[in-house]
Every structure is written in C-alpha cells, then in structure tokens.
C-alpha atoms as a PDB file:
ATOM      1  CA  UNK A   1     -39.311  61.330 -22.569  1.00  0.00           C
ATOM      2  CA  UNK A   2     -38.298  63.215 -18.863  1.00  0.00           C
ATOM      3  CA  UNK A   3     -40.021  66.111 -17.935  1.00  0.00           C
ATOM      4  CA  UNK A   4     -37.205  68.928 -17.148  1.00  0.00           C
ATOM      5  CA  UNK A   5     -36.832  70.009 -13.529  1.00  0.00           C
ATOM      6  CA  UNK A   6     -35.115  73.161 -12.195  1.00  0.00           C
ATOM      7  CA  UNK A   7     -34.913  71.060  -8.993  1.00  0.00           C
ATOM      8  CA  UNK A   8     -35.970  67.814  -7.778  1.00  0.00           C
ATOM      9  CA  UNK A   9     -39.179  67.707  -5.500  1.00  0.00           C
ATOM     10  CA  UNK A  10     -37.783  67.927  -1.889  1.00  0.00           C
ATOM     11  CA  UNK A  11     -39.010  65.360   0.555  1.00  0.00           C
ATOM     12  CA  UNK A  12     -39.092  66.017   4.473  1.00  0.00           C
ATOM     13  CA  UNK A  13     -35.994  65.269   6.388  1.00  0.00           C
ATOM     14  CA  UNK A  14     -35.766  62.467   8.931  1.00  0.00           C
ATOM     15  CA  UNK A  15     -35.966  65.044  11.528  1.00  0.00           C
ATOM     16  CA  UNK A  16     -38.955  66.664  10.322  1.00  0.00           C
ATOM     17  CA  UNK A  17     -40.754  63.165   9.688  1.00  0.00           C
ATOM     18  CA  UNK A  18     -40.001  61.903  13.224  1.00  0.00           C
ATOM     19  CA  UNK A  19     -41.514  65.420  14.613  1.00  0.00           C
ATOM     20  CA  UNK A  20     -44.569  65.389  12.242  1.00  0.00           C
ATOM     21  CA  UNK A  21     -45.284  61.804  13.363  1.00  0.00           C
ATOM     22  CA  UNK A  22     -45.528  63.052  17.015  1.00  0.00           C
ATOM     23  CA  UNK A  23     -47.945  65.897  15.485  1.00  0.00           C
ATOM     24  CA  UNK A  24     -50.041  63.489  13.217  1.00  0.00           C
ATOM     25  CA  UNK A  25     -52.531  62.722  16.002  1.00  0.00           C
ATOM     26  CA  UNK A  26     -53.286  66.397  16.455  1.00  0.00           C
ATOM     27  CA  UNK A  27     -54.237  66.251  12.693  1.00  0.00           C
ATOM     28  CA  UNK A  28     -56.610  63.520  13.384  1.00  0.00           C
ATOM     29  CA  UNK A  29     -58.093  65.165  16.455  1.00  0.00           C
ATOM     30  CA  UNK A  30     -58.925  68.264  14.074  1.00  0.00           C
ATOM     31  CA  UNK A  31     -60.421  66.256  11.312  1.00  0.00           C
ATOM     32  CA  UNK A  32     -62.471  63.895  13.676  1.00  0.00           C
ATOM     33  CA  UNK A  33     -63.584  67.132  15.295  1.00  0.00           C
ATOM     34  CA  UNK A  34     -64.903  68.623  11.923  1.00  0.00           C
ATOM     35  CA  UNK A  35     -66.436  65.236  11.041  1.00  0.00           C
ATOM     36  CA  UNK A  36     -68.600  65.154  14.258  1.00  0.00           C
ATOM     37  CA  UNK A  37     -70.017  68.409  13.712  1.00  0.00           C
ATOM     38  CA  UNK A  38     -70.675  67.813  10.111  1.00  0.00           C
ATOM     39  CA  UNK A  39     -74.559  67.887   9.488  1.00  0.00           C
ATOM     40  CA  UNK A  40     -74.286  67.148   5.633  1.00  0.00           C
ATOM     41  CA  UNK A  41     -75.398  63.388   5.060  1.00  0.00           C
ATOM     42  CA  UNK A  42     -72.721  61.365   3.962  1.00  0.00           C
ATOM     43  CA  UNK A  43     -73.629  57.996   1.898  1.00  0.00           C
ATOM     44  CA  UNK A  44     -70.956  55.515   1.909  1.00  0.00           C
ATOM     45  CA  UNK A  45     -70.406  52.446   0.025  1.00  0.00           C
ATOM     46  CA  UNK A  46     -67.360  50.103  -0.259  1.00  0.00           C
ATOM     47  CA  UNK A  47     -67.104  46.946  -2.674  1.00  0.00           C
ATOM     48  CA  UNK A  48     -64.400  44.803  -4.188  1.00  0.00           C
ATOM     49  CA  UNK A  49     -62.940  46.288  -7.304  1.00  0.00           C
ATOM     50  CA  UNK A  50     -60.956  44.989 -10.488  1.00  0.00           C
ATOM     51  CA  UNK A  51     -58.484  45.859 -13.254  1.00  0.00           C
ATOM     52  CA  UNK A  52     -61.235  48.290 -14.438  1.00  0.00           C
ATOM     53  CA  UNK A  53     -60.692  50.473 -11.725  1.00  0.00           C
ATOM     54  CA  UNK A  54     -56.972  51.140 -12.420  1.00  0.00           C
ATOM     55  CA  UNK A  55     -56.124  55.139 -13.306  1.00  0.00           C
ATOM     56  CA  UNK A  56     -55.398  56.548 -16.487  1.00  0.00           C
ATOM     57  CA  UNK A  57     -52.065  55.578 -18.020  1.00  0.00           C
ATOM     58  CA  UNK A  58     -49.188  58.200 -17.370  1.00  0.00           C
ATOM     59  CA  UNK A  59     -48.212  60.069 -20.551  1.00  0.00           C
ATOM     60  CA  UNK A  60     -44.552  59.354 -21.314  1.00  0.00           C
ATOM     61  CA  UNK A  61     -43.923  63.100 -21.603  1.00  0.00           C
ATOM     62  CA  UNK A  62     -44.941  63.625 -17.835  1.00  0.00           C
ATOM     63  CA  UNK A  63     -43.134  60.890 -16.411  1.00  0.00           C
ATOM     64  CA  UNK A  64     -39.432  60.884 -15.011  1.00  0.00           C
ATOM     65  CA  UNK A  65     -37.431  59.737 -12.132  1.00  0.00           C
ATOM     66  CA  UNK A  66     -39.353  61.974  -9.804  1.00  0.00           C
ATOM     67  CA  UNK A  67     -42.587  60.153 -10.675  1.00  0.00           C
ATOM     68  CA  UNK A  68     -44.387  57.772  -8.105  1.00  0.00           C
ATOM     69  CA  UNK A  69     -46.730  55.769 -10.021  1.00  0.00           C
ATOM     70  CA  UNK A  70     -49.127  53.172  -8.386  1.00  0.00           C
ATOM     71  CA  UNK A  71     -46.612  50.583  -8.872  1.00  0.00           C
ATOM     72  CA  UNK A  72     -44.412  52.029  -6.606  1.00  0.00           C
ATOM     73  CA  UNK A  73     -46.712  52.126  -3.888  1.00  0.00           C
ATOM     74  CA  UNK A  74     -47.638  49.378  -0.754  1.00  0.00           C
ATOM     75  CA  UNK A  75     -50.749  47.443  -0.161  1.00  0.00           C
ATOM     76  CA  UNK A  76     -54.136  47.376  -2.006  1.00  0.00           C
ATOM     77  CA  UNK A  77     -55.524  50.414  -4.127  1.00  0.00           C
ATOM     78  CA  UNK A  78     -58.745  52.293  -3.505  1.00  0.00           C
ATOM     79  CA  UNK A  79     -60.606  53.921  -6.040  1.00  0.00           C
ATOM     80  CA  UNK A  80     -62.843  56.470  -4.500  1.00  0.00           C
ATOM     81  CA  UNK A  81     -65.335  58.761  -5.972  1.00  0.00           C
ATOM     82  CA  UNK A  82     -66.560  61.751  -4.013  1.00  0.00           C
ATOM     83  CA  UNK A  83     -69.660  63.275  -5.640  1.00  0.00           C
ATOM     84  CA  UNK A  84     -71.728  66.211  -4.579  1.00  0.00           C
ATOM     85  CA  UNK A  85     -74.913  67.428  -6.596  1.00  0.00           C
ATOM     86  CA  UNK A  86     -75.579  71.193  -6.554  1.00  0.00           C
ATOM     87  CA  UNK A  87     -79.159  72.653  -7.223  1.00  0.00           C
ATOM     88  CA  UNK A  88     -79.475  76.387  -7.946  1.00  0.00           C
ATOM     89  CA  UNK A  89     -75.911  76.902  -8.969  1.00  0.00           C
ATOM     90  CA  UNK A  90     -74.844  80.330 -10.423  1.00  0.00           C
ATOM     91  CA  UNK A  91     -71.965  78.697 -12.435  1.00  0.00           C
ATOM     92  CA  UNK A  92     -71.661  76.438 -15.184  1.00  0.00           C
ATOM     93  CA  UNK A  93     -69.188  73.291 -15.083  1.00  0.00           C
ATOM     94  CA  UNK A  94     -66.534  75.111 -16.637  1.00  0.00           C
ATOM     95  CA  UNK A  95     -66.812  78.370 -14.609  1.00  0.00           C
ATOM     96  CA  UNK A  96     -66.816  76.249 -11.358  1.00  0.00           C
ATOM     97  CA  UNK A  97     -63.452  74.445 -12.499  1.00  0.00           C
ATOM     98  CA  UNK A  98     -62.006  77.777 -13.457  1.00  0.00           C
ATOM     99  CA  UNK A  99     -62.976  79.167 -10.115  1.00  0.00           C
ATOM    100  CA  UNK A 100     -61.511  75.704  -8.199  1.00  0.00           C
ATOM    101  CA  UNK A 101     -58.277  75.920 -10.277  1.00  0.00           C
ATOM    102  CA  UNK A 102     -57.932  79.595  -9.657  1.00  0.00           C
ATOM    103  CA  UNK A 103     -56.966  79.002  -5.848  1.00  0.00           C
ATOM    104  CA  UNK A 104     -56.984  75.305  -4.515  1.00  0.00           C
ATOM    105  CA  UNK A 105     -56.508  76.461  -1.113  1.00  0.00           C
ATOM    106  CA  UNK A 106     -60.022  78.233  -1.330  1.00  0.00           C
ATOM    107  CA  UNK A 107     -61.503  74.617  -1.427  1.00  0.00           C
ATOM    108  CA  UNK A 108     -58.836  72.664   0.554  1.00  0.00           C
ATOM    109  CA  UNK A 109     -59.293  72.442   4.451  1.00  0.00           C
ATOM    110  CA  UNK A 110     -56.418  74.440   6.084  1.00  0.00           C
ATOM    111  CA  UNK A 111     -56.183  71.992   8.814  1.00  0.00           C
ATOM    112  CA  UNK A 112     -55.287  69.207   6.597  1.00  0.00           C
ATOM    113  CA  UNK A 113     -53.708  70.471   3.281  1.00  0.00           C
ATOM    114  CA  UNK A 114     -52.112  73.454   2.153  1.00  0.00           C
ATOM    115  CA  UNK A 115     -51.116  73.928  -1.818  1.00  0.00           C
ATOM    116  CA  UNK A 116     -47.908  75.580  -2.424  1.00  0.00           C
ATOM    117  CA  UNK A 117     -46.878  75.681  -6.129  1.00  0.00           C
ATOM    118  CA  UNK A 118     -43.186  74.666  -6.789  1.00  0.00           C
ATOM    119  CA  UNK A 119     -43.198  74.708 -10.604  1.00  0.00           C
ATOM    120  CA  UNK A 120     -44.952  76.667 -13.287  1.00  0.00           C
ATOM    121  CA  UNK A 121     -46.468  80.080 -13.538  1.00  0.00           C
ATOM    122  CA  UNK A 122     -48.567  81.736 -10.938  1.00  0.00           C
ATOM    123  CA  UNK A 123     -52.235  80.965 -11.788  1.00  0.00           C
ATOM    124  CA  UNK A 124     -54.205  78.154 -12.308  1.00  0.00           C
ATOM    125  CA  UNK A 125     -52.624  74.546 -12.699  1.00  0.00           C
ATOM    126  CA  UNK A 126     -51.478  73.923 -16.047  1.00  0.00           C
ATOM    127  CA  UNK A 127     -49.876  70.576 -17.525  1.00  0.00           C
ATOM    128  CA  UNK A 128     -46.464  69.907 -16.059  1.00  0.00           C
ATOM    129  CA  UNK A 129     -46.708  72.208 -13.198  1.00  0.00           C
ATOM    130  CA  UNK A 130     -46.123  71.065  -9.596  1.00  0.00           C
ATOM    131  CA  UNK A 131     -47.545  71.618  -6.140  1.00  0.00           C
ATOM    132  CA  UNK A 132     -46.180  70.612  -2.567  1.00  0.00           C
ATOM    133  CA  UNK A 133     -49.187  69.928  -0.510  1.00  0.00           C
ATOM    134  CA  UNK A 134     -48.415  70.590   3.191  1.00  0.00           C
ATOM    135  CA  UNK A 135     -50.038  68.018   5.461  1.00  0.00           C
ATOM    136  CA  UNK A 136     -50.151  67.238   9.230  1.00  0.00           C
ATOM    137  CA  UNK A 137     -48.147  64.036   9.170  1.00  0.00           C
ATOM    138  CA  UNK A 138     -44.510  62.729   8.383  1.00  0.00           C
ATOM    139  CA  UNK A 139     -44.924  63.302   4.442  1.00  0.00           C
ATOM    140  CA  UNK A 140     -45.545  66.269   2.315  1.00  0.00           C
ATOM    141  CA  UNK A 141     -47.573  65.744  -0.879  1.00  0.00           C
ATOM    142  CA  UNK A 142     -45.639  66.558  -3.988  1.00  0.00           C
ATOM    143  CA  UNK A 143     -47.762  65.927  -6.956  1.00  0.00           C
ATOM    144  CA  UNK A 144     -47.486  66.964 -10.789  1.00  0.00           C
ATOM    145  CA  UNK A 145     -50.386  68.221 -12.966  1.00  0.00           C
ATOM    146  CA  UNK A 146     -50.920  65.402 -15.630  1.00  0.00           C
ATOM    147  CA  UNK A 147     -54.135  66.720 -17.432  1.00  0.00           C
ATOM    148  CA  UNK A 148     -56.102  69.875 -17.796  1.00  0.00           C
ATOM    149  CA  UNK A 149     -59.095  70.665 -19.770  1.00  0.00           C
ATOM    150  CA  UNK A 150     -62.191  73.276 -19.319  1.00  0.00           C
ATOM    151  CA  UNK A 151     -64.210  71.063 -16.703  1.00  0.00           C
ATOM    152  CA  UNK A 152     -61.285  68.737 -15.147  1.00  0.00           C
ATOM    153  CA  UNK A 153     -57.809  68.586 -14.295  1.00  0.00           C
ATOM    154  CA  UNK A 154     -55.817  65.781 -12.777  1.00  0.00           C
ATOM    155  CA  UNK A 155     -52.673  65.328 -10.294  1.00  0.00           C
ATOM    156  CA  UNK A 156     -50.244  62.424 -10.091  1.00  0.00           C
ATOM    157  CA  UNK A 157     -47.942  61.727  -7.168  1.00  0.00           C
ATOM    158  CA  UNK A 158     -44.201  62.310  -6.862  1.00  0.00           C
ATOM    159  CA  UNK A 159     -41.532  60.777  -4.916  1.00  0.00           C
ATOM    160  CA  UNK A 160     -42.050  61.663  -0.990  1.00  0.00           C
ATOM    161  CA  UNK A 161     -45.978  61.703  -1.273  1.00  0.00           C
ATOM    162  CA  UNK A 162     -48.114  59.821   1.291  1.00  0.00           C
ATOM    163  CA  UNK A 163     -49.683  57.924  -1.511  1.00  0.00           C
ATOM    164  CA  UNK A 164     -48.954  56.399  -4.940  1.00  0.00           C
ATOM    165  CA  UNK A 165     -51.483  57.318  -7.446  1.00  0.00           C
ATOM    166  CA  UNK A 166     -53.804  59.911  -9.123  1.00  0.00           C
ATOM    167  CA  UNK A 167     -56.560  62.311  -8.157  1.00  0.00           C
ATOM    168  CA  UNK A 168     -58.929  64.119 -10.696  1.00  0.00           C
ATOM    169  CA  UNK A 169     -61.344  67.025  -9.817  1.00  0.00           C
ATOM    170  CA  UNK A 170     -64.392  67.563 -12.370  1.00  0.00           C
ATOM    171  CA  UNK A 171     -67.503  68.963 -13.090  1.00  0.00           C
ATOM    172  CA  UNK A 172     -70.296  68.341 -14.996  1.00  0.00           C
ATOM    173  CA  UNK A 173     -74.047  69.101 -15.874  1.00  0.00           C
ATOM    174  CA  UNK A 174     -76.018  65.735 -14.632  1.00  0.00           C
ATOM    175  CA  UNK A 175     -78.792  64.413 -16.929  1.00  0.00           C
ATOM    176  CA  UNK A 176     -81.521  66.112 -14.657  1.00  0.00           C
ATOM    177  CA  UNK A 177     -79.976  69.402 -15.109  1.00  0.00           C
ATOM    178  CA  UNK A 178     -78.160  69.713 -11.922  1.00  0.00           C
ATOM    179  CA  UNK A 179     -74.339  70.716 -11.440  1.00  0.00           C
ATOM    180  CA  UNK A 180     -72.125  67.807 -10.232  1.00  0.00           C
ATOM    181  CA  UNK A 181     -68.833  68.040  -8.963  1.00  0.00           C
ATOM    182  CA  UNK A 182     -66.545  65.066  -8.419  1.00  0.00           C
ATOM    183  CA  UNK A 183     -63.111  64.205  -6.680  1.00  0.00           C
ATOM    184  CA  UNK A 184     -62.120  60.871  -8.136  1.00  0.00           C
ATOM    185  CA  UNK A 185     -58.799  59.365  -6.503  1.00  0.00           C
ATOM    186  CA  UNK A 186     -56.810  56.212  -7.554  1.00  0.00           C
ATOM    187  CA  UNK A 187     -54.327  55.406  -4.758  1.00  0.00           C
ATOM    188  CA  UNK A 188     -52.774  53.229  -2.347  1.00  0.00           C
ATOM    189  CA  UNK A 189     -49.943  53.621   0.667  1.00  0.00           C
ATOM    190  CA  UNK A 190     -46.548  55.274  -0.573  1.00  0.00           C
ATOM    191  CA  UNK A 191     -44.684  53.220   1.927  1.00  0.00           C
ATOM    192  CA  UNK A 192     -44.826  50.722   4.682  1.00  0.00           C
ATOM    193  CA  UNK A 193     -45.540  53.353   7.443  1.00  0.00           C
ATOM    194  CA  UNK A 194     -48.139  54.915   5.239  1.00  0.00           C
ATOM    195  CA  UNK A 195     -49.761  51.434   4.779  1.00  0.00           C
ATOM    196  CA  UNK A 196     -49.942  50.920   8.355  1.00  0.00           C
ATOM    197  CA  UNK A 197     -51.714  54.255   9.024  1.00  0.00           C
ATOM    198  CA  UNK A 198     -53.580  54.288   5.762  1.00  0.00           C
ATOM    199  CA  UNK A 199     -54.741  50.880   4.959  1.00  0.00           C
ATOM    200  CA  UNK A 200     -54.493  48.882   8.383  1.00  0.00           C
ATOM    201  CA  UNK A 201     -55.182  51.423  11.154  1.00  0.00           C
ATOM    202  CA  UNK A 202     -57.335  53.394   8.483  1.00  0.00           C
ATOM    203  CA  UNK A 203     -56.298  56.699  10.115  1.00  0.00           C
ATOM    204  CA  UNK A 204     -54.633  58.436   7.150  1.00  0.00           C
ATOM    205  CA  UNK A 205     -57.516  56.978   5.110  1.00  0.00           C
ATOM    206  CA  UNK A 206     -60.150  59.020   7.025  1.00  0.00           C
ATOM    207  CA  UNK A 207     -58.154  62.032   6.971  1.00  0.00           C
ATOM    208  CA  UNK A 208     -58.252  61.557   3.263  1.00  0.00           C
ATOM    209  CA  UNK A 209     -61.866  60.895   3.484  1.00  0.00           C
ATOM    210  CA  UNK A 210     -62.725  64.022   5.222  1.00  0.00           C
ATOM    211  CA  UNK A 211     -60.382  66.300   3.287  1.00  0.00           C
ATOM    212  CA  UNK A 212     -62.268  65.192  -0.271  1.00  0.00           C
ATOM    213  CA  UNK A 213     -65.865  65.658   1.466  1.00  0.00           C
ATOM    214  CA  UNK A 214     -64.726  69.146   2.255  1.00  0.00           C
ATOM    215  CA  UNK A 215     -63.500  69.758  -1.090  1.00  0.00           C
ATOM    216  CA  UNK A 216     -67.063  68.785  -2.453  1.00  0.00           C
ATOM    217  CA  UNK A 217     -68.888  71.031  -0.056  1.00  0.00           C
ATOM    218  CA  UNK A 218     -66.527  73.985  -0.552  1.00  0.00           C
ATOM    219  CA  UNK A 219     -66.875  73.559  -4.548  1.00  0.00           C
ATOM    220  CA  UNK A 220     -70.855  73.712  -3.860  1.00  0.00           C
ATOM    221  CA  UNK A 221     -70.473  76.800  -1.986  1.00  0.00           C
ATOM    222  CA  UNK A 222     -68.346  78.468  -4.627  1.00  0.00           C
ATOM    223  CA  UNK A 223     -70.951  77.447  -7.181  1.00  0.00           C
ATOM    224  CA  UNK A 224     -73.661  79.378  -5.353  1.00  0.00           C
ATOM    225  CA  UNK A 225     -76.022  76.417  -5.033  1.00  0.00           C
ATOM    226  CA  UNK A 226     -77.556  74.087  -2.543  1.00  0.00           C
ATOM    227  CA  UNK A 227     -76.298  70.720  -1.936  1.00  0.00           C
ATOM    228  CA  UNK A 228     -78.797  67.967  -2.814  1.00  0.00           C
ATOM    229  CA  UNK A 229     -78.606  64.800  -1.388  1.00  0.00           C
ATOM    230  CA  UNK A 230     -75.402  64.851   0.741  1.00  0.00           C
ATOM    231  CA  UNK A 231     -72.172  63.571  -0.603  1.00  0.00           C
ATOM    232  CA  UNK A 232     -71.845  60.073  -2.161  1.00  0.00           C
ATOM    233  CA  UNK A 233     -68.763  58.243  -1.563  1.00  0.00           C
ATOM    234  CA  UNK A 234     -68.146  55.032  -3.534  1.00  0.00           C
ATOM    235  CA  UNK A 235     -64.986  53.164  -2.530  1.00  0.00           C
ATOM    236  CA  UNK A 236     -63.664  50.007  -4.562  1.00  0.00           C
ATOM    237  CA  UNK A 237     -60.745  48.045  -3.162  1.00  0.00           C
ATOM    238  CA  UNK A 238     -58.303  46.597  -5.696  1.00  0.00           C
ATOM    239  CA  UNK A 239     -56.070  43.866  -4.513  1.00  0.00           C
ATOM    240  CA  UNK A 240     -52.268  44.588  -4.399  1.00  0.00           C
ATOM    241  CA  UNK A 241     -51.126  42.180  -7.087  1.00  0.00           C
ATOM    242  CA  UNK A 242     -53.219  44.200  -9.718  1.00  0.00           C
ATOM    243  CA  UNK A 243     -51.072  47.111  -9.000  1.00  0.00           C
ATOM    244  CA  UNK A 244     -47.546  45.831  -9.026  1.00  0.00           C
ATOM    245  CA  UNK A 245     -46.953  45.195 -12.654  1.00  0.00           C
ATOM    246  CA  UNK A 246     -48.563  48.373 -14.150  1.00  0.00           C
ATOM    247  CA  UNK A 247     -47.472  51.782 -14.716  1.00  0.00           C
ATOM    248  CA  UNK A 248     -50.924  53.136 -14.416  1.00  0.00           C
ATOM    249  CA  UNK A 249     -53.807  51.707 -16.583  1.00  0.00           C
END
C-alpha cells in the first residue's frame, strides 16, 4: 500500500551538491570545535554486531517508491545507541517526549541540522508526516515518521538522504528511578560518496555522533535535571551482506 504524496521528496540539485561538498569542511570544523570544548564525559564502545541489530520492519502502509530502506544503502550498517541518564528531572518520560516532539529544532544543533516539516499538519510529528533535515553537506535529509507513541517516535529515510535506515528517540524511567533519554539509530551510507565520508574517512559518522550527543544533552536540559554519568554511546557494526536482502528487520 503506497503512502499518497502531494509531491515527491525533492533532493538537492547537482549544482547544490557540488557547492555543498565545498562547504562540508566548514560543518566538520564547527562540529569538531564543539566536540573539543564539550565537558560532558562521553563513554564510547564499538563491538561487532549481528542480525539481531537490524531495525524494526517497515510497515507496508508507510512504504512507497520514495522510501529508502536499509537495503538501498551502501557499506556496513551501524547500530548506535546514545543514552543519557537524568537526575532530578522535572518531567515524566511522556512529558519530555512531548516537549522534544513539539519542536525538534529545540534539541537539534543548528550548525548541523535544521528540521523543516514538508508533509503533515503543523505541530508534533505524526505517523506519515515528513521532514527535510537541512545539513552542511551535499545531501539533505528527507525522512518520514514511521511510528509515534507517548514515549517515543521513529523516523525512516527517504530518497536523497545521506543515510539509509531508521532513527528512534525515546524516554523511559530506569530501574533506579532516573529519567533516561535515548537516541537509537540503524543506518548505513546512502550512496558511494556518503560511504567514503561516512564509513571510510569517518567524517560524516563523527558529525552524526556529535549531533546525537547534542540531542541527548539538550533533552536533559529540557527535562530540567542533571546529567549523571555523561553520555553512553554503544556502536555495533553489522556486515554489508546482512543488509542487502532485507526490507528492514
């Protein structure tokens, strides 16, 4: 079943892609500067992954010719979890996610990503809504909302995106009573150029890394609490062959 579109997602022109490639180093420098001056502890781990790391299956009603599933990407997939624990929060998990969803640009770093809703009514994301994420590179980031509930929402990539895959934002109360916010991504490079910058040179991958760390820290600030233990980043690398013959999960 196809999702109706008023207009297809528009990718950047060749001229814009060429110009953006030249501007890409500036975006890298801005993110690197922020990284160098970040005082929050970052705890990183990287381990091999397997088929259990593949993303949730795409719903047929939200899949059409503009979808860009994992199988349309290039190179290995990275399953990454960015988790922050928040002490003394003034919000419940549902209240935090409501605040995050109300304005995604409130938590996104403006030097790396700006969200523009291109399909759906004004307000928080709803299933089937679409956004164009403007980024400092030769790609924009068109995405579609695949799932929403009281404590989470999940986005899937569309044609023209830097990556192929999905990303989910969620909040919960941990066993020790602390509020926990998580950004979880299942992604691989969207094309050969992205694979070079993302998987080989790791430039785009580090930009994405800092973007989602920023998301977690901004969510903690919105919740009105204090970050405990820094940000934990768990990365699992999944071989390319596991991504080729699946339409997610």
